[in-house]
Amino acid sequence: MTDNQGRMPAAKGEESFADMLKASFRPVAHVKVGEVASGKVISIGKDNIFLDLGIRAEGMIDRDECERQGVLTVKPGDPLQVLVTSFRDGIFHCTVRLRQAGRGDSRTAKDSPTLSMLREAHANRIPVEGRVKAVNRGGFDVQVMGQKAFCPISQIERNYCQKPEAHLEQTYSFLVTQFEEDGRNIVVGRKELLQAEEREKSQRLWQELEVGQAREGTITSVHDYGAFVDIGGAEGLLHVSEISYEKIQSAKDALQPGQKLQVAVIKLDPEAGKISLSLKALLADPWATASGSLAAGSEVSGKVVHMKPFGAFVEIFPGVTGLLHVSRLGSGRRISHPKEILTVGDEVQVRILAIDSQRKTLSLTMEEPEEDLSGELERMKEKQDQDMKSTGTMAGMLDTAIQGDKK
């Protein structure tokens, strides 16, 4: 059956392509942070209430904002006016508290709705969204709901701000920390929000952490004794001894702040809040590959990497180091410290005296091997036996030797 224009009617519950196309040209409602929007309750969860704002993205408010003495005051389908405070993770975060508080008698006639909302945001510690517009002496100019606010430089980041220009034209959530002179002096900050977020991330991270786990991290600071690594909510210490199998004197020689790396969790102390990390735990043990090519008595070359009064440490392979004791330097004289004849970085020829694969230690020497005279002694003994047979007695041997001298 067709209509008067010869078209087939659309099935019940379906829209024709033309209708859908026509609908796509309808004006789309726009929702902006800092503005009041009209919404409709579409679902109620355990902690949040979700709203249809007439756009693709949904709105969300905390459930407790619509409870009175534990009883919900709204149901699905109810209309609701809200203030849009921020846009995160594809959802408009809203509040109704500012609208309700704005009806009080505290407002003066000269108050604008926006200033009333900012006053209530300050009183109720509700985050608002702002955009950093300029860097000035001591902080930033921030536009919040169309109003000019100031953010001290100490409040823009969790730690010290090294690059203020990096925040220009960035949009963040702020707390209104001061609201004075009827809105002519508004101060905002985000440090407290960042710290709260960090604490929440840290709590979640400690629930997930296990010894032996590999985590991706970012180095936050480097010292001689090691580096601190942020592994997503908490910092752990990467000690200099855990950076590599090779001997490293200072972590500053191998790492730098901002560097990203994979580390293994090797120790957890929840009570002290300490996390120990390792880089070398994720690397192949060089002893596993080098031990097959090492043998007692063999001569090898190596580099002097460290010295102590009792001896020098010589690296044979990367990560495989042996001790060259001060008494084994082969100088032919008494040495009180290896620096008398060696320097860190010297290439030396050494001989392996002993190998302990379990303890991963090598004993080295630079002394010449003692000459093996056992073969010569055996030959002398055989000659002596022959001479004894020909002369019969030791006296005969002596006479033979004397006669030989006379000739």
Protein backbone atom coordinates (compact mmCIF):
# COMPACT_ATOMS: atom_id res chain seq x y z
CA MET A 1 0.00 0.00 0.00
CA THR A 2 1.39 3.40 -0.94
CA ASP A 3 0.65 6.98 0.09
CA ASN A 4 -0.74 9.64 -2.25
CA GLN A 5 2.80 10.23 -3.59
CA GLY A 6 3.34 6.57 -4.38
CA ARG A 7 5.73 5.90 -1.45
CA MET A 8 5.63 2.85 0.75
CA PRO A 9 4.87 3.76 4.39
CA ALA A 10 7.63 3.16 6.96
CA ALA A 11 7.21 0.13 9.15
CA LYS A 12 5.85 0.79 12.63
CA GLY A 13 8.65 1.72 15.02
CA GLU A 14 11.04 2.53 12.17
CA GLU A 15 12.07 5.79 10.58
CA SER A 16 12.62 6.20 6.87
CA PHE A 17 16.03 7.23 5.68
CA ALA A 18 14.60 10.60 4.64
CA ASP A 19 13.22 11.21 8.13
CA MET A 20 16.54 10.29 9.71
CA LEU A 21 18.35 12.59 7.29
CA LYS A 22 15.93 15.39 8.06
CA ALA A 23 16.42 14.90 11.77
CA SER A 24 20.17 15.13 11.37
CA PHE A 25 19.78 18.74 10.20
CA ARG A 26 17.93 19.82 13.29
CA PRO A 27 19.80 22.28 15.49
CA VAL A 28 21.83 20.44 18.13
CA ALA A 29 21.70 21.64 21.69
CA HIS A 30 25.06 22.73 23.05
CA VAL A 31 26.18 22.27 26.62
CA LYS A 32 29.04 24.32 27.98
CA VAL A 33 30.97 24.01 31.20
CA GLY A 34 29.87 26.68 33.67
CA GLU A 35 26.36 26.96 32.25
CA VAL A 36 23.02 25.73 33.54
CA ALA A 37 21.51 22.90 31.48
CA SER A 38 18.16 21.15 31.48
CA GLY A 39 18.29 17.39 31.69
CA LYS A 40 16.17 14.33 32.28
CA VAL A 41 16.99 11.45 34.63
CA ILE A 42 17.60 8.32 32.56
CA SER A 43 19.08 5.95 35.14
CA ILE A 44 20.03 5.83 38.81
CA GLY A 45 23.08 3.90 39.96
CA LYS A 46 24.57 3.12 43.33
CA ASP A 47 26.72 6.26 43.40
CA ASN A 48 25.62 8.36 40.40
CA ILE A 49 22.56 9.58 38.55
CA PHE A 50 22.81 9.78 34.76
CA LEU A 51 21.06 12.47 32.74
CA ASP A 52 19.94 13.00 29.17
CA LEU A 53 21.10 16.53 28.28
CA GLY A 54 19.72 16.43 24.75
CA ILE A 55 23.13 15.73 23.24
CA ARG A 56 25.16 12.62 22.56
CA ALA A 57 27.20 12.89 25.75
CA GLU A 58 25.39 12.13 28.98
CA GLY A 59 25.44 14.11 32.17
CA MET A 60 26.20 12.72 35.61
CA ILE A 61 25.66 13.93 39.18
CA ASP A 62 26.42 12.35 42.54
CA ARG A 63 23.46 10.39 43.84
CA ASP A 64 23.67 11.94 47.30
CA GLU A 65 22.86 15.37 45.80
CA CYS A 66 19.33 14.13 45.21
CA GLU A 67 18.82 12.43 48.56
CA ARG A 68 17.12 13.83 51.61
CA GLN A 69 17.79 11.86 54.78
CA GLY A 70 18.75 8.87 52.65
CA VAL A 71 15.64 9.01 50.47
CA LEU A 72 15.85 9.72 46.72
CA THR A 73 13.90 12.75 45.57
CA VAL A 74 13.99 11.93 41.82
CA LYS A 75 13.12 9.01 39.60
CA PRO A 76 13.83 8.08 35.95
CA GLY A 77 12.06 10.48 33.62
CA ASP A 78 12.13 13.45 36.05
CA PRO A 79 13.40 16.77 34.63
CA LEU A 80 16.37 18.31 36.42
CA GLN A 81 18.27 21.57 36.05
CA VAL A 82 21.97 21.28 36.71
CA LEU A 83 25.15 23.29 36.57
CA VAL A 84 27.77 21.75 34.29
CA THR A 85 31.07 21.82 36.19
CA SER A 86 33.43 19.84 33.93
CA PHE A 87 33.75 17.43 31.00
CA ARG A 88 35.85 14.32 31.61
CA ASP A 89 36.01 10.86 30.03
CA GLY A 90 33.20 11.69 27.60
CA ILE A 91 30.71 12.66 30.36
CA PHE A 92 29.51 16.06 31.54
CA HIS A 93 29.93 16.21 35.31
CA CYS A 94 27.17 18.27 36.86
CA THR A 95 25.80 19.43 40.20
CA VAL A 96 22.43 20.59 41.49
CA ARG A 97 23.74 21.97 44.77
CA LEU A 98 24.69 25.32 43.33
CA ARG A 99 21.24 25.80 41.87
CA GLN A 100 19.60 24.95 45.16
CA ALA A 101 21.97 27.08 47.20
CA GLY A 102 21.49 29.99 44.79
CA ARG A 103 17.90 30.40 45.95
CA GLY A 104 19.03 31.56 49.40
CA ASP A 105 18.80 35.09 50.74
CA SER A 106 22.57 35.53 50.78
CA ARG A 107 22.56 36.83 47.21
CA THR A 108 22.43 40.54 46.69
CA ALA A 109 20.65 42.17 43.79
CA LYS A 110 23.93 42.93 42.04
CA ASP A 111 24.99 39.27 42.07
CA SER A 112 25.02 37.58 38.67
CA PRO A 113 24.02 33.91 38.49
CA THR A 114 27.61 33.01 37.64
CA LEU A 115 29.05 34.83 40.65
CA SER A 116 26.43 33.18 42.87
CA MET A 117 27.52 29.80 41.56
CA LEU A 118 31.19 30.59 42.17
CA ARG A 119 30.38 31.77 45.69
CA GLU A 120 28.59 28.51 46.38
CA ALA A 121 31.41 26.53 44.76
CA HIS A 122 33.77 28.20 47.21
CA ALA A 123 31.50 27.54 50.20
CA ASN A 124 30.80 23.90 49.29
CA ARG A 125 34.27 23.10 47.87
CA ILE A 126 32.82 21.99 44.55
CA PRO A 127 35.33 21.75 41.67
CA VAL A 128 34.78 24.05 38.72
CA GLU A 129 36.39 23.99 35.31
CA GLY A 130 38.69 26.77 34.13
CA ARG A 131 40.99 27.57 31.25
CA VAL A 132 44.49 29.01 31.74
CA LYS A 133 44.67 32.17 29.66
CA ALA A 134 47.94 33.86 30.66
CA VAL A 135 51.10 33.53 32.75
CA ASN A 136 51.88 36.44 35.00
CA ARG A 137 54.10 37.24 37.94
CA GLY A 138 53.52 34.60 40.57
CA GLY A 139 50.83 32.61 38.77
CA PHE A 140 48.21 32.37 36.05
CA ASP A 141 45.11 34.16 34.81
CA VAL A 142 42.32 31.58 34.64
CA GLN A 143 38.89 32.02 33.08
CA VAL A 144 36.23 30.28 35.16
CA MET A 145 32.58 30.48 34.01
CA GLY A 146 33.43 33.66 32.13
CA GLN A 147 35.02 35.26 35.21
CA LYS A 148 38.67 36.15 35.67
CA ALA A 149 40.43 34.25 38.47
CA PHE A 150 44.01 33.93 39.67
CA CYS A 151 45.87 30.67 40.29
CA PRO A 152 49.18 30.91 42.23
CA ILE A 153 52.04 29.09 40.52
CA SER A 154 52.39 26.85 43.58
CA GLN A 155 48.81 25.62 43.07
CA ILE A 156 48.93 24.64 39.39
CA GLU A 157 50.81 21.35 39.88
CA ARG A 158 51.30 18.78 42.60
CA ASN A 159 55.00 19.62 42.81
CA TYR A 160 57.17 22.53 41.75
CA CYS A 161 56.14 24.02 38.39
CA GLN A 162 59.21 24.13 36.14
CA LYS A 163 57.51 25.11 32.85
CA PRO A 164 54.62 27.54 33.46
CA GLU A 165 54.09 28.09 29.72
CA ALA A 166 53.13 24.43 29.32
CA HIS A 167 49.80 25.18 31.05
CA LEU A 168 48.69 27.92 28.64
CA GLU A 169 45.28 27.26 27.05
CA GLN A 170 44.88 24.09 29.09
CA THR A 171 41.54 23.32 30.74
CA TYR A 172 41.60 21.93 34.28
CA SER A 173 39.36 21.39 37.28
CA PHE A 174 39.98 23.88 40.08
CA LEU A 175 38.80 24.54 43.62
CA VAL A 176 37.74 28.10 44.41
CA THR A 177 40.00 28.85 47.39
CA GLN A 178 39.07 32.53 47.78
CA PHE A 179 35.98 34.51 46.80
CA GLU A 180 36.21 38.11 47.97
CA GLU A 181 35.08 41.65 47.09
CA ASP A 182 31.84 40.40 45.51
CA GLY A 183 33.76 38.31 43.00
CA ARG A 184 36.41 40.87 42.06
CA ASN A 185 39.03 38.75 43.81
CA ILE A 186 38.72 35.07 42.94
CA VAL A 187 41.58 32.68 43.64
CA VAL A 188 41.60 29.09 42.42
CA GLY A 189 43.95 26.12 42.71
CA ARG A 190 44.21 22.54 41.54
CA LYS A 191 46.99 21.19 43.79
CA GLU A 192 44.57 19.84 46.40
CA LEU A 193 42.52 18.07 43.73
CA LEU A 194 45.68 16.53 42.26
CA GLN A 195 46.84 15.35 45.68
CA ALA A 196 43.47 13.75 46.38
CA GLU A 197 43.56 12.06 42.98
CA GLU A 198 47.10 10.86 43.70
CA ARG A 199 46.05 9.39 47.05
CA GLU A 200 43.20 7.53 45.40
CA LYS A 201 45.52 6.18 42.69
CA SER A 202 48.05 5.16 45.34
CA GLN A 203 45.43 3.21 47.31
CA ARG A 204 44.35 1.36 44.16
CA LEU A 205 47.97 0.69 43.21
CA TRP A 206 48.89 -0.84 46.60
CA GLN A 207 45.96 -3.23 46.23
CA GLU A 208 47.34 -4.41 42.88
CA LEU A 209 51.08 -4.56 43.64
CA GLU A 210 52.87 -7.90 44.05
CA VAL A 211 56.55 -8.83 44.38
CA GLY A 212 57.86 -9.96 41.00
CA GLN A 213 55.42 -7.79 39.08
CA ALA A 214 56.71 -5.74 36.13
CA ARG A 215 55.48 -2.14 35.96
CA GLU A 216 56.05 0.77 33.61
CA GLY A 217 57.35 3.85 35.38
CA THR A 218 58.71 7.36 34.93
CA ILE A 219 61.82 8.60 36.74
CA THR A 220 60.98 11.60 38.93
CA SER A 221 64.42 12.26 40.44
CA VAL A 222 67.94 10.82 40.27
CA HIS A 223 70.60 10.73 43.00
CA ASP A 224 73.98 9.02 43.36
CA TYR A 225 72.44 6.18 45.39
CA GLY A 226 69.53 5.53 43.02
CA ALA A 227 66.42 6.93 41.34
CA PHE A 228 62.81 7.40 42.38
CA VAL A 229 60.32 6.02 39.88
CA ASP A 230 56.61 6.83 39.66
CA ILE A 231 54.84 3.56 38.78
CA GLY A 232 51.35 5.03 38.49
CA GLY A 233 50.26 6.38 41.84
CA ALA A 234 53.26 5.72 44.06
CA GLU A 235 57.02 6.14 43.90
CA GLY A 236 59.53 3.35 44.38
CA LEU A 237 63.30 3.40 44.83
CA LEU A 238 65.49 1.94 42.11
CA HIS A 239 68.79 1.49 43.97
CA VAL A 240 72.01 1.96 42.02
CA SER A 241 72.89 -1.71 42.61
CA GLU A 242 69.64 -2.76 40.87
CA ILE A 243 70.14 -0.73 37.68
CA SER A 244 72.43 -3.15 35.85
CA TYR A 245 74.64 -6.20 36.27
CA GLU A 246 77.51 -3.91 35.31
CA LYS A 247 79.21 -1.90 38.04
CA ILE A 248 77.69 1.61 38.21
CA GLN A 249 79.17 4.17 40.61
CA SER A 250 76.30 6.67 40.44
CA ALA A 251 72.72 6.38 39.15
CA LYS A 252 73.26 9.77 37.51
CA ASP A 253 75.64 8.07 35.07
CA ALA A 254 72.87 5.83 33.70
CA LEU A 255 69.47 7.50 34.30
CA GLN A 256 67.79 10.88 33.94
CA PRO A 257 64.52 12.47 35.16
CA GLY A 258 61.55 11.96 32.86
CA GLN A 259 62.93 8.70 31.44
CA LYS A 260 60.36 5.92 31.04
CA LEU A 261 61.37 2.34 31.79
CA GLN A 262 60.13 -1.11 32.79
CA VAL A 263 60.97 -2.13 36.35
CA ALA A 264 60.28 -5.14 38.55
CA VAL A 265 58.87 -4.92 42.08
CA ILE A 266 61.35 -6.76 44.34
CA LYS A 267 60.20 -5.66 47.81
CA LEU A 268 57.08 -4.14 49.40
CA ASP A 269 56.73 -2.51 52.81
CA PRO A 270 53.09 -1.33 53.11
CA GLU A 271 53.52 -0.07 56.67
CA ALA A 272 56.40 2.23 55.73
CA GLY A 273 54.93 2.87 52.28
CA LYS A 274 58.19 1.80 50.62
CA ILE A 275 58.57 0.07 47.27
CA SER A 276 61.89 -1.38 46.06
CA LEU A 277 62.36 -1.69 42.31
CA SER A 278 64.88 -3.34 39.99
CA LEU A 279 65.90 -2.96 36.37
CA LYS A 280 68.38 -5.82 36.25
CA ALA A 281 65.77 -8.31 37.48
CA LEU A 282 64.22 -8.02 34.01
CA LEU A 283 67.56 -8.54 32.24
CA ALA A 284 69.29 -11.79 31.31
CA ASP A 285 71.90 -12.81 33.90
CA PRO A 286 75.30 -12.47 32.16
CA TRP A 287 76.72 -15.22 34.38
CA ALA A 288 74.35 -17.69 32.74
CA THR A 289 75.96 -17.11 29.35
CA ALA A 290 79.52 -16.29 30.40
CA SER A 291 80.11 -19.21 32.76
CA GLY A 292 80.40 -21.64 29.84
CA SER A 293 83.35 -19.74 28.39
CA LEU A 294 85.24 -19.33 31.67
CA ALA A 295 87.66 -21.92 33.04
CA ALA A 296 90.21 -21.94 35.85
CA GLY A 297 93.70 -21.44 34.46
CA SER A 298 92.58 -19.64 31.31
CA GLU A 299 93.93 -16.22 30.41
CA VAL A 300 91.44 -13.44 29.67
CA SER A 301 91.50 -9.69 29.17
CA GLY A 302 89.42 -7.24 31.19
CA LYS A 303 88.99 -3.64 32.30
CA VAL A 304 89.70 -2.28 35.75
CA VAL A 305 86.37 -0.81 36.95
CA HIS A 306 86.98 -0.23 40.64
CA MET A 307 89.74 -0.36 43.22
CA LYS A 308 89.98 -0.92 46.96
CA PRO A 309 93.07 -1.21 49.18
CA PHE A 310 92.70 -5.00 49.11
CA GLY A 311 92.51 -5.29 45.33
CA ALA A 312 91.11 -4.25 41.94
CA PHE A 313 87.84 -5.32 40.35
CA VAL A 314 88.23 -6.33 36.73
CA GLU A 315 85.25 -6.66 34.38
CA ILE A 316 85.75 -9.66 32.10
CA PHE A 317 82.34 -9.49 30.38
CA PRO A 318 79.57 -6.89 30.89
CA GLY A 319 78.19 -7.82 34.30
CA VAL A 320 80.90 -10.41 35.06
CA THR A 321 83.58 -9.00 37.35
CA GLY A 322 86.46 -10.69 39.18
CA LEU A 323 88.72 -9.67 42.06
CA LEU A 324 92.41 -9.17 41.40
CA HIS A 325 93.87 -9.27 44.92
CA VAL A 326 96.62 -6.82 45.79
CA SER A 327 98.95 -9.77 46.45
CA ARG A 328 98.37 -11.10 42.92
CA LEU A 329 99.43 -8.05 40.92
CA GLY A 330 102.67 -9.73 39.81
CA SER A 331 104.82 -6.63 40.30
CA GLY A 332 107.61 -8.44 42.12
CA ARG A 333 107.42 -6.00 45.02
CA ARG A 334 105.20 -5.38 48.01
CA ILE A 335 102.10 -3.33 47.06
CA SER A 336 99.87 -1.61 49.65
CA HIS A 337 97.23 -0.41 47.17
CA PRO A 338 96.53 -1.48 43.55
CA LYS A 339 96.52 2.18 42.44
CA GLU A 340 100.31 2.07 42.71
CA ILE A 341 100.43 0.17 39.42
CA LEU A 342 96.85 0.26 38.05
CA THR A 343 94.30 2.92 37.05
CA VAL A 344 90.53 2.60 36.66
CA GLY A 345 89.89 2.01 32.95
CA ASP A 346 93.13 0.08 32.34
CA GLU A 347 92.91 -2.96 30.06
CA VAL A 348 94.76 -5.86 31.71
CA GLN A 349 95.63 -9.48 30.97
CA VAL A 350 94.71 -11.76 33.86
CA ARG A 351 94.49 -15.45 34.59
CA ILE A 352 91.53 -17.07 36.31
CA LEU A 353 92.51 -18.77 39.54
CA ALA A 354 89.07 -19.91 40.73
CA ILE A 355 85.39 -19.67 39.76
CA ASP A 356 82.41 -19.77 42.12
CA SER A 357 79.31 -19.84 39.90
CA GLN A 358 76.88 -19.93 42.81
CA ARG A 359 78.31 -16.85 44.49
CA LYS A 360 79.14 -15.35 41.08
CA THR A 361 82.75 -14.57 41.97
CA LEU A 362 86.05 -14.84 40.12
CA SER A 363 89.57 -14.88 41.63
CA LEU A 364 92.15 -13.41 39.26
CA THR A 365 95.91 -13.02 39.11
CA MET A 366 98.48 -11.18 37.05
CA GLU A 367 101.34 -13.38 38.28
CA GLU A 368 103.21 -15.63 35.88
CA PRO A 369 102.21 -19.28 36.32
CA GLU A 370 104.72 -21.32 38.27
CA GLU A 371 106.84 -23.53 36.00
CA ASP A 372 105.84 -27.16 36.11
CA LEU A 373 109.13 -29.09 36.81
CA SER A 374 107.57 -32.47 37.45
CA GLY A 375 108.53 -33.75 33.97
CA GLU A 376 112.16 -32.65 34.31
CA LEU A 377 112.46 -34.24 37.76
CA GLU A 378 111.16 -37.50 36.35
CA ARG A 379 113.76 -37.44 33.57
CA MET A 380 116.54 -36.76 36.09
CA LYS A 381 115.38 -39.68 38.23
CA GLU A 382 115.45 -42.04 35.24
CA LYS A 383 119.01 -40.93 34.36
CA GLN A 384 120.08 -41.40 37.98
CA ASP A 385 118.73 -44.95 37.98
CA GLN A 386 120.67 -45.74 34.82
CA ASP A 387 123.87 -44.34 36.26
CA MET A 388 123.39 -46.35 39.43
CA LYS A 389 123.11 -49.51 37.40
CA SER A 390 126.37 -48.83 35.53
CA THR A 391 128.46 -47.90 38.58
CA GLY A 392 126.75 -49.86 41.26
CA THR A 393 127.25 -47.34 44.03
CA MET A 394 126.90 -43.61 44.77
CA ALA A 395 130.73 -43.58 45.10
CA GLY A 396 131.01 -44.95 41.64
CA MET A 397 128.79 -42.21 40.34
CA LEU A 398 130.96 -39.61 42.06
CA ASP A 399 134.14 -41.19 40.60
CA THR A 400 132.63 -41.18 37.13
CA ALA A 401 131.77 -37.52 37.52
CA ILE A 402 135.29 -36.68 38.72
CA GLN A 403 136.92 -38.62 35.90
CA GLY A 404 134.77 -36.79 33.49
CA ASP A 405 135.93 -33.47 34.94
CA LYS A 406 139.60 -34.50 34.59
CA LYS A 407 139.17 -35.24 30.94
